[in-house]
Amino acid sequence: MTLILHEYAASGNCYKIRLTAAHLGVPIERREYDVMTGATRTPEFLATINANGRIPVLQDGDRFLPESNAACFYLADGSALIPEDRFDRADMLRWMFWEQYNHEPNIATVRYWLVYVGETALTETQRAMIPGKRAGGEAALALMDDQLARTPFLVGDQFTLADIALYAYTHVASQAGFEVARYPSVVAWLARVAALPGHIAIDA
């Protein structure tokens, strides 16, 4: 049965699912929704795709799986993208949880506000939040840089879903004004990930 990805292609959260599928050689049918016009807030979308009104959502038959990292795990379960070692598997999940809690809310949010909404269209509250989110994003990049100075991938020597999850928004962080070049180990890791067989670009 065909897997369907309900997505907004420019979103890193949607991209990470496509990237996981590409590394696994799993075909996915893509359905695009314009989040800027409220396409994921329609009564039909809320009733049939995701009551939370968000994308991405991975559809397998008549079942719908929201949350990007859960969808990545669903695709990769049983593959080499998930470590066999119990501790390493938990460590992979740790990075994926951290990505959604510390990395994505800062880097992805600033990118969305500045690149897609536009600074002049932001509310006063949103503009006031940018310095704090910039600081949080820089702290996230610094933590990654420290880890990647010691290991080639986030979970040691193995390329895992943790790398896919964090590559998605890290590789476009400069669009939001983050100075990724300040983190040489992150820069080297970005190149390492992009050179792997099966890699696809966000706009592919």
Protein backbone atom coordinates (compact mmCIF):
# COMPACT_ATOMS: atom_id res chain seq x y z
CA MET A 1 0.00 0.00 0.00
CA THR A 2 1.28 3.46 -0.88
CA LEU A 3 2.51 5.68 1.93
CA ILE A 4 1.27 9.26 1.71
CA LEU A 5 3.04 12.24 3.24
CA HIS A 6 0.80 15.21 3.96
CA GLU A 7 3.29 18.06 4.04
CA TYR A 8 4.49 21.60 3.45
CA ALA A 9 7.65 20.92 1.46
CA ALA A 10 9.70 23.85 2.82
CA SER A 11 9.28 22.58 6.37
CA GLY A 12 12.27 20.82 7.90
CA ASN A 13 9.91 18.57 9.82
CA CYS A 14 8.41 17.37 6.54
CA TYR A 15 11.82 17.11 4.89
CA LYS A 16 13.18 14.77 7.55
CA ILE A 17 10.48 12.21 6.67
CA ARG A 18 11.30 12.43 2.95
CA LEU A 19 15.00 12.14 3.80
CA THR A 20 14.40 9.05 5.92
CA ALA A 21 12.37 7.46 3.13
CA ALA A 22 15.10 8.31 0.59
CA HIS A 23 17.78 6.62 2.67
CA LEU A 24 15.58 3.55 2.99
CA GLY A 25 14.49 3.49 -0.66
CA VAL A 26 10.85 3.70 0.39
CA PRO A 27 8.52 5.43 -2.11
CA ILE A 28 6.19 8.07 -0.72
CA GLU A 29 3.34 9.92 -2.38
CA ARG A 30 3.43 13.60 -1.45
CA ARG A 31 0.45 15.88 -0.86
CA GLU A 32 1.18 19.56 -0.37
CA TYR A 33 -0.73 21.94 1.92
CA ASP A 34 -0.17 25.69 2.05
CA VAL A 35 0.15 26.42 5.75
CA MET A 36 0.31 30.14 4.98
CA THR A 37 -3.32 30.07 3.85
CA GLY A 38 -4.62 27.82 6.63
CA ALA A 39 -4.93 24.67 4.53
CA THR A 40 -4.33 22.47 7.58
CA ARG A 41 -7.05 24.19 9.60
CA THR A 42 -10.00 23.36 7.38
CA PRO A 43 -12.83 21.24 8.82
CA GLU A 44 -12.00 18.45 6.34
CA PHE A 45 -8.31 18.34 7.31
CA LEU A 46 -9.09 18.43 11.02
CA ALA A 47 -11.67 15.67 10.67
CA THR A 48 -9.71 13.31 8.42
CA ILE A 49 -5.93 14.03 8.59
CA ASN A 50 -4.97 15.53 11.97
CA ALA A 51 -7.26 17.01 14.59
CA ASN A 52 -4.27 19.03 15.81
CA GLY A 53 -4.20 20.93 12.52
CA ARG A 54 -0.51 20.36 11.85
CA ILE A 55 1.71 18.70 9.33
CA PRO A 56 3.59 16.53 8.56
CA VAL A 57 1.31 13.53 8.79
CA LEU A 58 2.34 10.15 7.41
CA GLN A 59 -0.60 8.10 6.13
CA ASP A 60 -0.41 4.33 5.82
CA GLY A 61 -3.70 3.03 4.51
CA ASP A 62 -6.44 4.38 6.74
CA ARG A 63 -4.06 5.20 9.61
CA PHE A 64 -2.53 8.64 10.13
CA LEU A 65 0.66 9.29 12.08
CA PRO A 66 1.43 12.91 13.02
CA GLU A 67 4.69 14.18 14.56
CA SER A 68 7.75 14.09 12.31
CA ASN A 69 10.09 12.05 14.47
CA ALA A 70 7.45 9.42 15.13
CA ALA A 71 6.90 9.11 11.37
CA CYS A 72 10.65 8.76 10.81
CA PHE A 73 10.81 6.01 13.43
CA TYR A 74 7.86 4.23 11.82
CA LEU A 75 9.61 4.21 8.45
CA ALA A 76 13.00 3.16 9.83
CA ASP A 77 11.95 0.54 12.38
CA GLY A 78 14.07 -2.54 11.80
CA SER A 79 16.59 -0.76 9.57
CA ALA A 80 20.22 0.29 10.05
CA LEU A 81 19.04 3.85 10.80
CA ILE A 82 18.09 2.61 14.28
CA PRO A 83 20.93 1.14 16.37
CA GLU A 84 20.67 -2.43 17.57
CA ASP A 85 22.48 -1.65 20.82
CA ARG A 86 19.96 -0.80 23.55
CA PHE A 87 21.88 2.20 24.93
CA ASP A 88 22.65 3.61 21.49
CA ARG A 89 19.01 3.25 20.50
CA ALA A 90 17.95 5.21 23.57
CA ASP A 91 20.66 7.78 22.88
CA MET A 92 19.28 8.23 19.37
CA LEU A 93 15.85 8.88 20.84
CA ARG A 94 17.39 11.31 23.33
CA TRP A 95 18.74 13.43 20.47
CA MET A 96 15.41 13.25 18.66
CA PHE A 97 13.50 14.38 21.76
CA TRP A 98 16.07 17.15 22.31
CA GLU A 99 15.68 18.26 18.70
CA GLN A 100 11.99 18.92 19.19
CA TYR A 101 12.42 20.52 22.61
CA ASN A 102 15.60 22.60 22.32
CA HIS A 103 16.60 22.88 18.67
CA GLU A 104 13.48 23.10 16.49
CA PRO A 105 11.52 25.57 18.68
CA ASN A 106 14.39 28.05 18.36
CA ILE A 107 16.02 27.62 14.95
CA ALA A 108 12.95 26.52 13.00
CA THR A 109 10.71 29.16 14.56
CA VAL A 110 13.06 32.04 13.74
CA ARG A 111 13.45 30.71 10.19
CA TYR A 112 9.69 30.50 9.74
CA TRP A 113 9.10 33.98 11.14
CA LEU A 114 11.80 35.72 9.12
CA VAL A 115 11.74 33.78 5.85
CA TYR A 116 8.06 32.91 5.44
CA VAL A 117 6.05 35.33 7.58
CA GLY A 118 8.41 38.30 7.20
CA GLU A 119 9.76 40.47 10.01
CA THR A 120 7.41 43.36 9.26
CA ALA A 121 4.40 41.06 9.63
CA LEU A 122 5.42 39.71 13.03
CA THR A 123 3.53 40.70 16.13
CA GLU A 124 5.25 42.73 18.81
CA THR A 125 5.31 39.64 21.02
CA GLN A 126 6.99 37.56 18.30
CA ARG A 127 9.64 40.20 17.64
CA ALA A 128 10.37 40.39 21.35
CA MET A 129 10.90 36.63 21.44
CA ILE A 130 13.54 36.54 18.69
CA PRO A 131 16.61 37.39 20.84
CA GLY A 132 15.80 34.61 23.29
CA LYS A 133 15.20 32.13 20.49
CA ARG A 134 18.46 33.16 18.84
CA ALA A 135 20.30 32.50 22.10
CA GLY A 136 18.59 29.13 22.43
CA GLY A 137 19.46 28.22 18.86
CA GLU A 138 23.10 29.16 19.30
CA ALA A 139 23.24 27.07 22.48
CA ALA A 140 21.80 24.11 20.59
CA LEU A 141 24.39 24.45 17.82
CA ALA A 142 27.17 24.70 20.38
CA LEU A 143 26.02 21.53 22.13
CA MET A 144 25.94 19.69 18.80
CA ASP A 145 29.37 21.03 17.92
CA ASP A 146 30.78 19.68 21.17
CA GLN A 147 29.38 16.21 20.49
CA LEU A 148 30.43 16.18 16.84
CA ALA A 149 33.96 17.19 17.75
CA ARG A 150 34.19 13.78 19.45
CA THR A 151 32.13 11.53 17.16
CA PRO A 152 31.43 11.61 13.40
CA PHE A 153 27.69 11.27 13.94
CA LEU A 154 25.48 12.13 16.89
CA VAL A 155 25.37 8.52 18.09
CA GLY A 156 29.02 7.58 17.68
CA ASP A 157 30.12 6.11 14.36
CA GLN A 158 26.65 5.21 13.10
CA PHE A 159 24.44 7.42 10.93
CA THR A 160 20.99 7.26 12.57
CA LEU A 161 17.63 8.97 12.69
CA ALA A 162 19.17 11.40 15.17
CA ASP A 163 21.33 12.79 12.37
CA ILE A 164 18.38 13.01 9.98
CA ALA A 165 16.21 14.76 12.58
CA LEU A 166 18.86 17.35 13.37
CA TYR A 167 20.14 17.82 9.83
CA ALA A 168 16.73 19.00 8.67
CA TYR A 169 16.79 22.43 10.32
CA THR A 170 20.52 22.75 11.03
CA HIS A 171 21.40 22.82 7.33
CA VAL A 172 19.06 25.79 6.74
CA ALA A 173 19.79 27.60 10.02
CA SER A 174 21.76 30.27 8.19
CA GLN A 175 18.52 31.35 6.49
CA ALA A 176 17.44 32.57 9.91
CA GLY A 177 20.70 34.38 10.54
CA PHE A 178 22.40 31.72 12.67
CA GLU A 179 26.17 31.73 12.13
CA VAL A 180 26.66 28.03 11.48
CA ALA A 181 30.26 28.65 10.36
CA ARG A 182 31.12 29.33 14.02
CA TYR A 183 30.65 25.60 14.65
CA PRO A 184 33.27 23.77 12.56
CA SER A 185 32.32 20.29 13.73
CA VAL A 186 28.70 20.95 12.78
CA VAL A 187 29.83 22.22 9.36
CA ALA A 188 31.90 19.07 8.79
CA TRP A 189 28.98 16.88 9.90
CA LEU A 190 26.58 18.66 7.52
CA ALA A 191 28.94 17.86 4.65
CA ARG A 192 29.31 14.27 5.85
CA VAL A 193 25.54 13.74 5.94
CA ALA A 194 24.98 15.37 2.55
CA ALA A 195 27.60 13.09 0.98
CA LEU A 196 25.92 9.86 2.07
CA PRO A 197 24.31 7.62 -0.56
CA GLY A 198 20.56 8.21 -0.74
CA HIS A 199 20.72 11.82 0.41
CA ILE A 200 18.24 14.23 -1.12
CA ALA A 201 18.01 18.02 -0.85
CA ILE A 202 15.11 19.75 0.89
CA ASP A 203 13.85 21.07 -2.44
CA ALA A 204 14.15 17.72 -4.27
